Amino acid sequence: MKRKKQIVRNIILIALTVLLFLWQGGYHLTPEGVFRSAEKAEWLGPTPEVMELGTSDDGCLRFVGIEQKGFYVVSAKPCLGIFWKYTNEHWGGYFPVEETTRAWILEDIIVGQTRETDAVEVVCVVEKWKSEENDWQEVGHYTIPVGENGFFSMALDSYMPRTMDYGVKEVICKNAAGEVIGKDSQ
């Protein structure tokens, strides 16, 4: 009987040690759990609306939490089979929207938010830094639908390299009739 008690005690100790390791290591059972944990760690939220932005090439899921004065992006990476962990391999963080409309390029997606209540789409003018000419050059205009909450996002073209040489020059807001109702330079 003493041997059985030792086995049960050791199994309980091993289970508690594994749970402590997972808790201290930041492992979660769902990617949403990673998002909520990152929210608490950064003293943000809790946000009422969380959206999935998509998956990056290495399998990381990107989530965005939308607030009135901005939004924040968190990446969650699968690990150890069934767990998810916060990762800073992809650029994320808090993005304040102090103007009427603001947009950023995060590796391979354009994300932004507008306070124009009548906006149904935005046109983001993307530019690239040309070091040879020491100047910026326009490389594309991207039309992106705007959600009811003012948030918009779009995956960039696959031919666009993943560098920090790209930026959003200007965001043009349009209403349902296609008329320009706002224009913000970055």
Protein backbone atom coordinates (compact mmCIF):
# COMPACT_ATOMS: atom_id res chain seq x y z
CA MET A 1 0.00 0.00 0.00
CA LYS A 2 2.87 2.37 0.76
CA ARG A 3 4.22 1.90 -2.76
CA LYS A 4 0.85 2.89 -4.31
CA LYS A 5 0.75 6.09 -2.23
CA GLN A 6 4.26 7.00 -3.45
CA ILE A 7 3.26 6.43 -7.09
CA VAL A 8 0.12 8.59 -6.74
CA ARG A 9 2.09 11.32 -4.93
CA ASN A 10 4.80 11.34 -7.62
CA ILE A 11 2.23 11.47 -10.45
CA ILE A 12 0.55 14.47 -8.76
CA LEU A 13 3.93 16.20 -8.28
CA ILE A 14 4.85 15.60 -11.92
CA ALA A 15 1.48 16.95 -13.10
CA LEU A 16 1.84 20.07 -10.92
CA THR A 17 5.39 20.62 -12.20
CA VAL A 18 4.25 20.33 -15.83
CA LEU A 19 1.35 22.75 -15.21
CA LEU A 20 3.71 25.21 -13.51
CA PHE A 21 6.12 24.95 -16.46
CA LEU A 22 3.33 25.62 -18.96
CA TRP A 23 1.94 28.53 -16.93
CA GLN A 24 5.33 30.18 -16.38
CA GLY A 25 6.39 29.53 -19.97
CA GLY A 26 3.41 31.37 -21.44
CA TYR A 27 1.85 28.35 -23.13
CA HIS A 28 -1.89 28.46 -23.85
CA LEU A 29 -4.40 25.99 -25.25
CA THR A 30 -5.89 28.51 -27.72
CA PRO A 31 -4.48 31.43 -29.72
CA GLU A 32 -7.22 33.62 -28.21
CA GLY A 33 -5.74 32.80 -24.80
CA VAL A 34 -2.40 34.13 -26.04
CA PHE A 35 -4.10 37.34 -27.17
CA ARG A 36 -5.85 37.87 -23.82
CA SER A 37 -2.62 37.17 -21.93
CA ALA A 38 -0.70 39.68 -24.08
CA GLU A 39 -3.48 42.21 -23.44
CA LYS A 40 -3.02 41.89 -19.69
CA ALA A 41 0.77 42.00 -19.94
CA GLU A 42 0.69 45.25 -21.94
CA TRP A 43 -2.03 46.83 -19.75
CA LEU A 44 -4.42 47.01 -22.71
CA GLY A 45 -8.04 46.02 -23.08
CA PRO A 46 -9.99 44.00 -22.54
CA THR A 47 -11.09 44.83 -26.04
CA PRO A 48 -14.66 44.00 -26.99
CA GLU A 49 -13.70 43.04 -30.53
CA VAL A 50 -10.93 40.66 -31.57
CA MET A 51 -10.36 39.78 -35.22
CA GLU A 52 -8.01 37.31 -36.86
CA LEU A 53 -5.77 38.98 -39.45
CA GLY A 54 -4.50 35.78 -40.98
CA THR A 55 -1.55 33.43 -40.89
CA SER A 56 2.03 34.32 -41.73
CA ASP A 57 4.35 32.09 -43.74
CA ASP A 58 5.74 30.38 -40.63
CA GLY A 59 2.31 29.47 -39.21
CA CYS A 60 1.89 32.34 -36.74
CA LEU A 61 -1.66 33.61 -36.33
CA ARG A 62 -2.10 37.37 -36.10
CA PHE A 63 -4.90 38.88 -34.04
CA VAL A 64 -6.01 42.48 -33.75
CA GLY A 65 -7.86 44.08 -30.86
CA ILE A 66 -9.80 47.16 -31.90
CA GLU A 67 -10.32 50.11 -29.58
CA GLN A 68 -11.73 53.57 -30.24
CA LYS A 69 -8.37 55.35 -30.31
CA GLY A 70 -6.35 52.66 -32.03
CA PHE A 71 -5.71 48.95 -32.24
CA TYR A 72 -3.05 46.42 -31.31
CA VAL A 73 -1.68 43.36 -33.05
CA VAL A 74 -0.53 40.15 -31.34
CA SER A 75 1.06 37.06 -32.92
CA ALA A 76 0.56 33.52 -31.61
CA LYS A 77 2.73 30.62 -32.71
CA PRO A 78 1.85 26.91 -32.39
CA CYS A 79 4.31 24.90 -30.31
CA LEU A 80 4.61 21.57 -28.50
CA GLY A 81 1.81 20.08 -30.57
CA ILE A 82 -1.35 21.39 -28.88
CA PHE A 83 -0.14 24.65 -27.31
CA TRP A 84 0.18 28.26 -28.49
CA LYS A 85 2.72 30.85 -27.39
CA TYR A 86 3.13 34.60 -27.81
CA THR A 87 5.83 35.48 -30.30
CA ASN A 88 7.53 38.74 -31.15
CA GLU A 89 8.91 37.38 -34.42
CA HIS A 90 6.40 39.51 -36.28
CA TRP A 91 6.06 43.21 -35.86
CA GLY A 92 3.13 44.04 -33.62
CA GLY A 93 2.15 46.25 -30.74
CA TYR A 94 -0.14 49.18 -30.16
CA PHE A 95 -1.02 51.50 -33.05
CA PRO A 96 -2.65 54.77 -31.97
CA VAL A 97 -4.93 56.52 -34.44
CA GLU A 98 -4.71 60.18 -33.45
CA GLU A 99 -5.72 61.55 -36.84
CA THR A 100 -8.95 60.78 -38.66
CA THR A 101 -7.40 57.87 -40.55
CA ARG A 102 -4.11 56.05 -40.18
CA ALA A 103 -2.53 52.99 -41.83
CA TRP A 104 0.63 50.92 -41.45
CA ILE A 105 2.38 48.13 -43.32
CA LEU A 106 3.09 45.10 -41.11
CA GLU A 107 5.41 42.85 -43.09
CA ASP A 108 2.92 41.53 -45.65
CA ILE A 109 -0.36 43.26 -44.75
CA ILE A 110 -1.72 46.78 -44.63
CA VAL A 111 -3.69 47.56 -41.46
CA GLY A 112 -5.42 50.74 -40.39
CA GLN A 113 -8.37 52.43 -38.82
CA THR A 114 -10.56 55.39 -39.73
CA ARG A 115 -12.95 57.54 -37.75
CA GLU A 116 -14.86 58.61 -40.86
CA THR A 117 -18.31 57.18 -40.13
CA ASP A 118 -19.43 57.25 -43.79
CA ALA A 119 -16.30 55.53 -45.16
CA VAL A 120 -16.93 52.25 -46.96
CA GLU A 121 -13.49 51.94 -48.54
CA VAL A 122 -10.05 53.46 -48.33
CA VAL A 123 -7.32 53.81 -50.91
CA CYS A 124 -3.83 53.42 -49.45
CA VAL A 125 -1.00 54.91 -51.48
CA VAL A 126 2.12 52.81 -50.82
CA GLU A 127 5.62 54.09 -51.44
CA LYS A 128 9.12 52.63 -51.29
CA TRP A 129 12.38 54.24 -50.24
CA LYS A 130 14.84 54.39 -53.14
CA SER A 131 18.30 54.72 -51.63
CA GLU A 132 19.93 55.33 -55.03
CA GLU A 133 17.77 58.42 -55.57
CA ASN A 134 17.52 59.28 -51.86
CA ASP A 135 13.77 59.72 -52.24
CA TRP A 136 10.41 57.95 -51.93
CA GLN A 137 8.67 56.47 -54.99
CA GLU A 138 5.01 55.41 -55.26
CA VAL A 139 4.63 51.68 -55.90
CA GLY A 140 0.89 51.10 -55.71
CA HIS A 141 -2.65 52.12 -54.78
CA TYR A 142 -4.60 49.57 -52.74
CA THR A 143 -8.37 49.79 -52.34
CA ILE A 144 -9.51 48.20 -49.08
CA PRO A 145 -13.07 47.84 -47.72
CA VAL A 146 -13.72 49.35 -44.29
CA GLY A 147 -15.55 47.42 -41.59
CA GLU A 148 -18.35 48.82 -39.42
CA ASN A 149 -15.80 49.45 -36.66
CA GLY A 150 -13.57 51.53 -38.97
CA PHE A 151 -10.84 48.89 -39.19
CA PHE A 152 -9.40 47.78 -42.52
CA SER A 153 -6.73 45.28 -43.56
CA MET A 154 -5.47 43.66 -46.74
CA ALA A 155 -2.70 41.24 -47.69
CA LEU A 156 -0.07 42.82 -49.91
CA ASP A 157 0.99 41.49 -53.28
CA SER A 158 3.29 38.48 -53.15
CA TYR A 159 5.90 40.24 -55.29
CA MET A 160 6.41 42.95 -52.67
CA PRO A 161 9.47 42.04 -50.58
CA ARG A 162 9.10 41.90 -46.78
CA THR A 163 11.31 44.85 -45.87
CA MET A 164 10.91 48.03 -43.88
CA ASP A 165 11.51 50.10 -47.05
CA TYR A 166 7.76 50.38 -47.68
CA GLY A 167 5.32 52.80 -46.09
CA VAL A 168 1.85 54.21 -46.49
CA LYS A 169 2.11 57.72 -47.93
CA GLU A 170 -1.54 58.65 -47.93
CA VAL A 171 -4.96 57.22 -47.02
CA ILE A 172 -8.00 58.38 -49.00
CA CYS A 173 -11.46 57.64 -47.54
CA LYS A 174 -14.43 57.18 -49.88
CA ASN A 175 -18.15 56.91 -49.20
CA ALA A 176 -20.67 54.56 -50.84
CA ALA A 177 -21.04 56.89 -53.85
CA GLY A 178 -17.26 56.78 -54.46
CA GLU A 179 -16.74 60.40 -53.41
CA VAL A 180 -13.63 61.34 -51.43
CA ILE A 181 -14.69 62.29 -47.91
CA GLY A 182 -11.28 62.44 -46.26
CA LYS A 183 -7.59 62.38 -47.06
CA ASP A 184 -4.78 61.90 -44.54
CA SER A 185 -1.09 62.07 -45.36
CA GLN A 186 1.18 60.00 -43.19
